[in-house]
Amino acid sequence: MKILVVCGNGLGSSFIMQLNVKKALTELGKTAEVTHTDLASANTEKADIFIGAGDIVERLDESKGKIVSIINMMNVSEIKRKLDPLL
């Protein structure tokens, strides 16, 4: 399974969220390939799950994979709650 963390520029915030997604997966006892990228690149990549802030991920093509909107990228509990049903 591949999870792609998306932000506007693919730098700081997506990297921080990538670390929190990995922590959430560990706490859930699940594994996945987790990478991060910018919005433009995300539209050309394949992934099972795309995750990011609502204003970013709403611009992704839903036919490419499941889209998860996060309100607080620092909240590992929120990430776990939203990812768990999809894993």
C-alpha atoms as a PDB file:
ATOM      1  CA  MET A   1       0.000   0.000   0.000  1.00  0.00           C
ATOM      2  CA  LYS A   2       1.235   3.480  -0.852  1.00  0.00           C
ATOM      3  CA  ILE A   3       0.212   6.633   1.013  1.00  0.00           C
ATOM      4  CA  LEU A   4       1.099   9.973  -0.533  1.00  0.00           C
ATOM      5  CA  VAL A   5       1.143  13.017   1.755  1.00  0.00           C
ATOM      6  CA  VAL A   6       0.351  16.167  -0.230  1.00  0.00           C
ATOM      7  CA  CYS A   7       0.905  19.860   0.452  1.00  0.00           C
ATOM      8  CA  GLY A   8       1.154  22.984  -1.657  1.00  0.00           C
ATOM      9  CA  ASN A   9       4.917  22.933  -2.169  1.00  0.00           C
ATOM     10  CA  GLY A  10       5.825  19.393  -1.105  1.00  0.00           C
ATOM     11  CA  LEU A  11       8.343  20.569   1.454  1.00  0.00           C
ATOM     12  CA  GLY A  12       7.946  21.289   5.165  1.00  0.00           C
ATOM     13  CA  SER A  13       4.350  20.608   6.061  1.00  0.00           C
ATOM     14  CA  SER A  14       4.067  17.427   3.996  1.00  0.00           C
ATOM     15  CA  PHE A  15       7.303  16.123   5.516  1.00  0.00           C
ATOM     16  CA  ILE A  16       6.013  16.748   9.045  1.00  0.00           C
ATOM     17  CA  MET A  17       2.719  15.075   8.184  1.00  0.00           C
ATOM     18  CA  GLN A  18       4.616  12.155   6.611  1.00  0.00           C
ATOM     19  CA  LEU A  19       6.347  11.567   9.955  1.00  0.00           C
ATOM     20  CA  ASN A  20       2.991  11.698  11.760  1.00  0.00           C
ATOM     21  CA  VAL A  21       1.396   9.295   9.269  1.00  0.00           C
ATOM     22  CA  LYS A  22       4.249   6.841   9.874  1.00  0.00           C
ATOM     23  CA  LYS A  23       3.754   7.217  13.637  1.00  0.00           C
ATOM     24  CA  ALA A  24       0.006   6.622  13.247  1.00  0.00           C
ATOM     25  CA  LEU A  25       0.649   3.504  11.165  1.00  0.00           C
ATOM     26  CA  THR A  26       3.042   2.171  13.795  1.00  0.00           C
ATOM     27  CA  GLU A  27       0.477   2.777  16.543  1.00  0.00           C
ATOM     28  CA  LEU A  28      -2.144   0.978  14.432  1.00  0.00           C
ATOM     29  CA  GLY A  29       0.223  -1.939  13.803  1.00  0.00           C
ATOM     30  CA  LYS A  30       0.069  -1.347  10.033  1.00  0.00           C
ATOM     31  CA  THR A  31       2.723  -0.817   7.386  1.00  0.00           C
ATOM     32  CA  ALA A  32       2.701   1.178   4.165  1.00  0.00           C
ATOM     33  CA  GLU A  33       5.053   3.062   1.912  1.00  0.00           C
ATOM     34  CA  VAL A  34       4.658   6.734   2.880  1.00  0.00           C
ATOM     35  CA  THR A  35       6.085   9.560   0.773  1.00  0.00           C
ATOM     36  CA  HIS A  36       5.359  13.269   0.401  1.00  0.00           C
ATOM     37  CA  THR A  37       5.005  15.577  -2.574  1.00  0.00           C
ATOM     38  CA  ASP A  38       3.515  18.805  -3.853  1.00  0.00           C
ATOM     39  CA  LEU A  39       0.014  19.144  -5.307  1.00  0.00           C
ATOM     40  CA  ALA A  40       1.088  19.376  -8.956  1.00  0.00           C
ATOM     41  CA  SER A  41       3.192  16.215  -8.715  1.00  0.00           C
ATOM     42  CA  ALA A  42       0.491  14.368  -6.765  1.00  0.00           C
ATOM     43  CA  ASN A  43      -1.849  14.659  -9.734  1.00  0.00           C
ATOM     44  CA  THR A  44       0.616  12.628 -11.806  1.00  0.00           C
ATOM     45  CA  GLU A  45       1.439   9.948  -9.207  1.00  0.00           C
ATOM     46  CA  LYS A  46      -0.312   6.757  -8.215  1.00  0.00           C
ATOM     47  CA  ALA A  47      -1.139   5.941  -4.606  1.00  0.00           C
ATOM     48  CA  ASP A  48      -3.738   3.997  -2.672  1.00  0.00           C
ATOM     49  CA  ILE A  49      -4.351   6.919  -0.305  1.00  0.00           C
ATOM     50  CA  PHE A  50      -3.706  10.645  -0.712  1.00  0.00           C
ATOM     51  CA  ILE A  51      -3.684  12.596   2.554  1.00  0.00           C
ATOM     52  CA  GLY A  52      -3.346  16.288   3.291  1.00  0.00           C
ATOM     53  CA  ALA A  53      -5.110  19.481   4.345  1.00  0.00           C
ATOM     54  CA  GLY A  54      -8.639  19.830   3.004  1.00  0.00           C
ATOM     55  CA  ASP A  55      -7.951  22.837   0.793  1.00  0.00           C
ATOM     56  CA  ILE A  56      -5.137  20.914  -0.910  1.00  0.00           C
ATOM     57  CA  VAL A  57      -6.565  17.417  -1.323  1.00  0.00           C
ATOM     58  CA  GLU A  58      -9.918  18.715  -2.587  1.00  0.00           C
ATOM     59  CA  ARG A  59      -8.057  19.601  -5.797  1.00  0.00           C
ATOM     60  CA  LEU A  60      -6.985  15.990  -6.421  1.00  0.00           C
ATOM     61  CA  ASP A  61      -8.678  13.644  -8.860  1.00  0.00           C
ATOM     62  CA  GLU A  62     -10.725  11.207  -6.744  1.00  0.00           C
ATOM     63  CA  SER A  63     -10.391   8.483  -9.360  1.00  0.00           C
ATOM     64  CA  LYS A  64      -6.654   8.139  -8.553  1.00  0.00           C
ATOM     65  CA  GLY A  65      -7.146   6.815  -5.010  1.00  0.00           C
ATOM     66  CA  LYS A  66      -8.825   7.402  -1.683  1.00  0.00           C
ATOM     67  CA  ILE A  67      -8.519  10.963  -0.441  1.00  0.00           C
ATOM     68  CA  VAL A  68      -8.195  11.796   3.250  1.00  0.00           C
ATOM     69  CA  SER A  69      -8.649  15.352   4.462  1.00  0.00           C
ATOM     70  CA  ILE A  70      -6.826  16.287   7.674  1.00  0.00           C
ATOM     71  CA  ILE A  71      -7.691  19.299   9.811  1.00  0.00           C
ATOM     72  CA  ASN A  72      -4.652  19.203  12.139  1.00  0.00           C
ATOM     73  CA  MET A  73      -1.539  17.588  10.641  1.00  0.00           C
ATOM     74  CA  MET A  74       0.057  17.435  14.102  1.00  0.00           C
ATOM     75  CA  ASN A  75      -2.821  15.373  15.535  1.00  0.00           C
ATOM     76  CA  VAL A  76      -1.750  11.732  15.269  1.00  0.00           C
ATOM     77  CA  SER A  77      -5.106  10.627  16.753  1.00  0.00           C
ATOM     78  CA  GLU A  78      -6.985  12.321  13.907  1.00  0.00           C
ATOM     79  CA  ILE A  79      -4.685  10.731  11.340  1.00  0.00           C
ATOM     80  CA  LYS A  80      -5.185   7.295  12.911  1.00  0.00           C
ATOM     81  CA  ARG A  81      -8.968   7.734  13.064  1.00  0.00           C
ATOM     82  CA  LYS A  82      -9.178   8.700   9.391  1.00  0.00           C
ATOM     83  CA  LEU A  83      -6.676   6.168   8.035  1.00  0.00           C
ATOM     84  CA  ASP A  84      -7.693   3.090  10.025  1.00  0.00           C
ATOM     85  CA  PRO A  85     -10.900   2.305   8.071  1.00  0.00           C
ATOM     86  CA  LEU A  86      -8.985   2.536   4.787  1.00  0.00           C
ATOM     87  CA  LEU A  87      -6.117   0.188   5.685  1.00  0.00           C
END
